[in-house]
């Protein structure tokens, strides 16, 4: 049984990427609400 495992480069990249995407989405919605004229 030969397991050819690569280093967890995917987790190292995908982890911060998911966090960045979430923060970017929250920031985008926040700025979008701020720019909308209040009725």
PDB file of N, CA and C in Angstrom:
ATOM      1  N   UNK A   1       0.860  -1.200   0.000  1.00  0.00           N
ATOM      2  CA  UNK A   1       0.000   0.000   0.000  1.00  0.00           C
ATOM      3  C   UNK A   1       0.892   1.245   0.000  1.00  0.00           C
ATOM      4  N   UNK A   2       0.822   1.952  -1.091  1.00  0.00           N
ATOM      5  CA  UNK A   2       1.694   3.110  -1.270  1.00  0.00           C
ATOM      6  C   UNK A   2       0.821   4.353  -1.360  1.00  0.00           C
ATOM      7  N   UNK A   3       0.824   5.144  -0.307  1.00  0.00           N
ATOM      8  CA  UNK A   3       0.019   6.371  -0.303  1.00  0.00           C
ATOM      9  C   UNK A   3       0.888   7.541  -0.703  1.00  0.00           C
ATOM     10  N   UNK A   4       0.592   8.085  -1.855  1.00  0.00           N
ATOM     11  CA  UNK A   4       1.345   9.254  -2.321  1.00  0.00           C
ATOM     12  C   UNK A   4       0.600  10.503  -1.878  1.00  0.00           C
ATOM     13  N   UNK A   5       0.991  11.015  -0.724  1.00  0.00           N
ATOM     14  CA  UNK A   5       0.311  12.193  -0.164  1.00  0.00           C
ATOM     15  C   UNK A   5       1.134  13.437  -0.431  1.00  0.00           C
ATOM     16  N   UNK A   6       0.453  14.430  -0.959  1.00  0.00           N
ATOM     17  CA  UNK A   6       1.118  15.710  -1.166  1.00  0.00           C
ATOM     18  C   UNK A   6       1.047  16.514   0.122  1.00  0.00           C
ATOM     19  N   UNK A   7       1.929  17.473   0.311  1.00  0.00           N
ATOM     20  CA  UNK A   7       1.817  18.383   1.457  1.00  0.00           C
ATOM     21  C   UNK A   7       0.498  19.143   1.403  1.00  0.00           C
ATOM     22  N   UNK A   8       0.019  19.507   2.564  1.00  0.00           N
ATOM     23  CA  UNK A   8      -1.301  20.139   2.636  1.00  0.00           C
ATOM     24  C   UNK A   8      -1.243  21.586   2.154  1.00  0.00           C
ATOM     25  N   UNK A   9      -0.782  21.760   0.915  1.00  0.00           N
ATOM     26  CA  UNK A   9      -0.716  23.111   0.349  1.00  0.00           C
ATOM     27  C   UNK A   9      -2.123  23.619   0.055  1.00  0.00           C
ATOM     28  N   UNK A  10      -3.020  22.694  -0.301  1.00  0.00           N
ATOM     29  CA  UNK A  10      -4.385  23.100  -0.625  1.00  0.00           C
ATOM     30  C   UNK A  10      -5.069  23.691   0.602  1.00  0.00           C
ATOM     31  N   UNK A  11      -4.874  23.053   1.762  1.00  0.00           N
ATOM     32  CA  UNK A  11      -5.494  23.560   2.988  1.00  0.00           C
ATOM     33  C   UNK A  11      -4.888  24.898   3.383  1.00  0.00           C
ATOM     34  N   UNK A  12      -3.579  25.024   3.184  1.00  0.00           N
ATOM     35  CA  UNK A  12      -2.903  26.272   3.556  1.00  0.00           C
ATOM     36  C   UNK A  12      -3.410  27.421   2.691  1.00  0.00           C
ATOM     37  N   UNK A  13      -3.749  27.122   1.428  1.00  0.00           N
ATOM     38  CA  UNK A  13      -4.228  28.176   0.528  1.00  0.00           C
ATOM     39  C   UNK A  13      -5.734  28.379   0.700  1.00  0.00           C
ATOM     40  N   UNK A  14      -6.480  27.268   0.772  1.00  0.00           N
ATOM     41  CA  UNK A  14      -7.940  27.370   0.803  1.00  0.00           C
ATOM     42  C   UNK A  14      -8.450  27.937   2.114  1.00  0.00           C
ATOM     43  N   UNK A  15      -7.744  27.667   3.211  1.00  0.00           N
ATOM     44  CA  UNK A  15      -8.199  28.179   4.508  1.00  0.00           C
ATOM     45  C   UNK A  15      -8.321  29.688   4.520  1.00  0.00           C
ATOM     46  N   UNK A  16      -7.207  30.409   4.349  1.00  0.00           N
ATOM     47  CA  UNK A  16      -7.271  31.876   4.333  1.00  0.00           C
ATOM     48  C   UNK A  16      -8.129  32.401   3.190  1.00  0.00           C
ATOM     49  N   UNK A  17      -8.199  31.664   2.081  1.00  0.00           N
ATOM     50  CA  UNK A  17      -8.990  32.129   0.941  1.00  0.00           C
ATOM     51  C   UNK A  17     -10.468  32.171   1.304  1.00  0.00           C
ATOM     52  N   UNK A  18     -10.949  31.142   2.000  1.00  0.00           N
ATOM     53  CA  UNK A  18     -12.357  31.105   2.405  1.00  0.00           C
ATOM     54  C   UNK A  18     -12.644  32.229   3.392  1.00  0.00           C
ATOM     55  N   UNK A  19     -11.715  32.459   4.328  1.00  0.00           N
ATOM     56  CA  UNK A  19     -11.888  33.545   5.295  1.00  0.00           C
ATOM     57  C   UNK A  19     -11.896  34.886   4.576  1.00  0.00           C
ATOM     58  N   UNK A  20     -10.999  35.044   3.608  1.00  0.00           N
ATOM     59  CA  UNK A  20     -10.927  36.296   2.860  1.00  0.00           C
ATOM     60  C   UNK A  20     -12.204  36.521   2.068  1.00  0.00           C
ATOM     61  N   UNK A  21     -12.726  35.457   1.447  1.00  0.00           N
ATOM     62  CA  UNK A  21     -13.959  35.582   0.678  1.00  0.00           C
ATOM     63  C   UNK A  21     -15.114  36.001   1.577  1.00  0.00           C
ATOM     64  N   UNK A  22     -15.183  35.418   2.776  1.00  0.00           N
ATOM     65  CA  UNK A  22     -16.263  35.766   3.703  1.00  0.00           C
ATOM     66  C   UNK A  22     -16.156  37.217   4.143  1.00  0.00           C
ATOM     67  N   UNK A  23     -14.941  37.640   4.513  1.00  0.00           N
ATOM     68  CA  UNK A  23     -14.746  39.025   4.951  1.00  0.00           C
ATOM     69  C   UNK A  23     -15.010  39.990   3.808  1.00  0.00           C
ATOM     70  N   UNK A  24     -14.594  39.627   2.606  1.00  0.00           N
ATOM     71  CA  UNK A  24     -14.820  40.492   1.453  1.00  0.00           C
ATOM     72  C   UNK A  24     -16.314  40.621   1.177  1.00  0.00           C
ATOM     73  N   UNK A  25     -17.047  39.530   1.332  1.00  0.00           N
ATOM     74  CA  UNK A  25     -18.491  39.578   1.112  1.00  0.00           C
ATOM     75  C   UNK A  25     -19.183  40.461   2.138  1.00  0.00           C
ATOM     76  N   UNK A  26     -18.780  40.323   3.405  1.00  0.00           N
ATOM     77  CA  UNK A  26     -19.372  41.146   4.456  1.00  0.00           C
ATOM     78  C   UNK A  26     -19.045  42.615   4.238  1.00  0.00           C
ATOM     79  N   UNK A  27     -17.793  42.898   3.884  1.00  0.00           N
ATOM     80  CA  UNK A  27     -17.382  44.277   3.654  1.00  0.00           C
ATOM     81  C   UNK A  27     -18.122  44.857   2.457  1.00  0.00           C
ATOM     82  N   UNK A  28     -18.315  44.046   1.417  1.00  0.00           N
ATOM     83  CA  UNK A  28     -19.014  44.516   0.220  1.00  0.00           C
ATOM     84  C   UNK A  28     -20.461  44.868   0.536  1.00  0.00           C
ATOM     85  N   UNK A  29     -21.139  43.985   1.286  1.00  0.00           N
ATOM     86  CA  UNK A  29     -22.533  44.262   1.622  1.00  0.00           C
ATOM     87  C   UNK A  29     -22.632  45.477   2.538  1.00  0.00           C
ATOM     88  N   UNK A  30     -21.652  45.630   3.448  1.00  0.00           N
ATOM     89  CA  UNK A  30     -21.648  46.773   4.364  1.00  0.00           C
ATOM     90  C   UNK A  30     -21.485  48.073   3.584  1.00  0.00           C
ATOM     91  N   UNK A  31     -20.523  48.108   2.673  1.00  0.00           N
ATOM     92  CA  UNK A  31     -20.300  49.318   1.877  1.00  0.00           C
ATOM     93  C   UNK A  31     -21.486  49.576   0.955  1.00  0.00           C
ATOM     94  N   UNK A  32     -22.096  48.513   0.457  1.00  0.00           N
ATOM     95  CA  UNK A  32     -23.244  48.676  -0.430  1.00  0.00           C
ATOM     96  C   UNK A  32     -24.405  49.301   0.331  1.00  0.00           C
ATOM     97  N   UNK A  33     -24.624  48.851   1.567  1.00  0.00           N
ATOM     98  CA  UNK A  33     -25.701  49.431   2.370  1.00  0.00           C
ATOM     99  C   UNK A  33     -25.390  50.872   2.734  1.00  0.00           C
ATOM    100  N   UNK A  34     -24.125  51.179   2.991  1.00  0.00           N
ATOM    101  CA  UNK A  34     -23.752  52.549   3.350  1.00  0.00           C
ATOM    102  C   UNK A  34     -23.955  53.486   2.168  1.00  0.00           C
ATOM    103  N   UNK A  35     -23.704  52.996   0.947  1.00  0.00           N
ATOM    104  CA  UNK A  35     -23.795  53.861  -0.222  1.00  0.00           C
ATOM    105  C   UNK A  35     -25.245  54.046  -0.665  1.00  0.00           C
ATOM    106  N   UNK A  36     -26.137  53.145  -0.233  1.00  0.00           N
ATOM    107  CA  UNK A  36     -27.536  53.280  -0.629  1.00  0.00           C
ATOM    108  C   UNK A  36     -28.174  54.462   0.091  1.00  0.00           C
ATOM    109  N   UNK A  37     -28.941  55.268  -0.645  1.00  0.00           N
ATOM    110  CA  UNK A  37     -29.639  56.392   0.003  1.00  0.00           C
ATOM    111  C   UNK A  37     -30.741  55.886   0.925  1.00  0.00           C
ATOM    112  N   UNK A  38     -30.776  56.420   2.128  1.00  0.00           N
ATOM    113  CA  UNK A  38     -31.798  55.999   3.100  1.00  0.00           C
ATOM    114  C   UNK A  38     -33.100  56.740   2.822  1.00  0.00           C
ATOM    115  N   UNK A  39     -34.179  55.996   2.798  1.00  0.00           N
ATOM    116  CA  UNK A  39     -35.475  56.618   2.551  1.00  0.00           C
ATOM    117  C   UNK A  39     -36.034  57.185   3.856  1.00  0.00           C
TER     118      UNK A  39
END
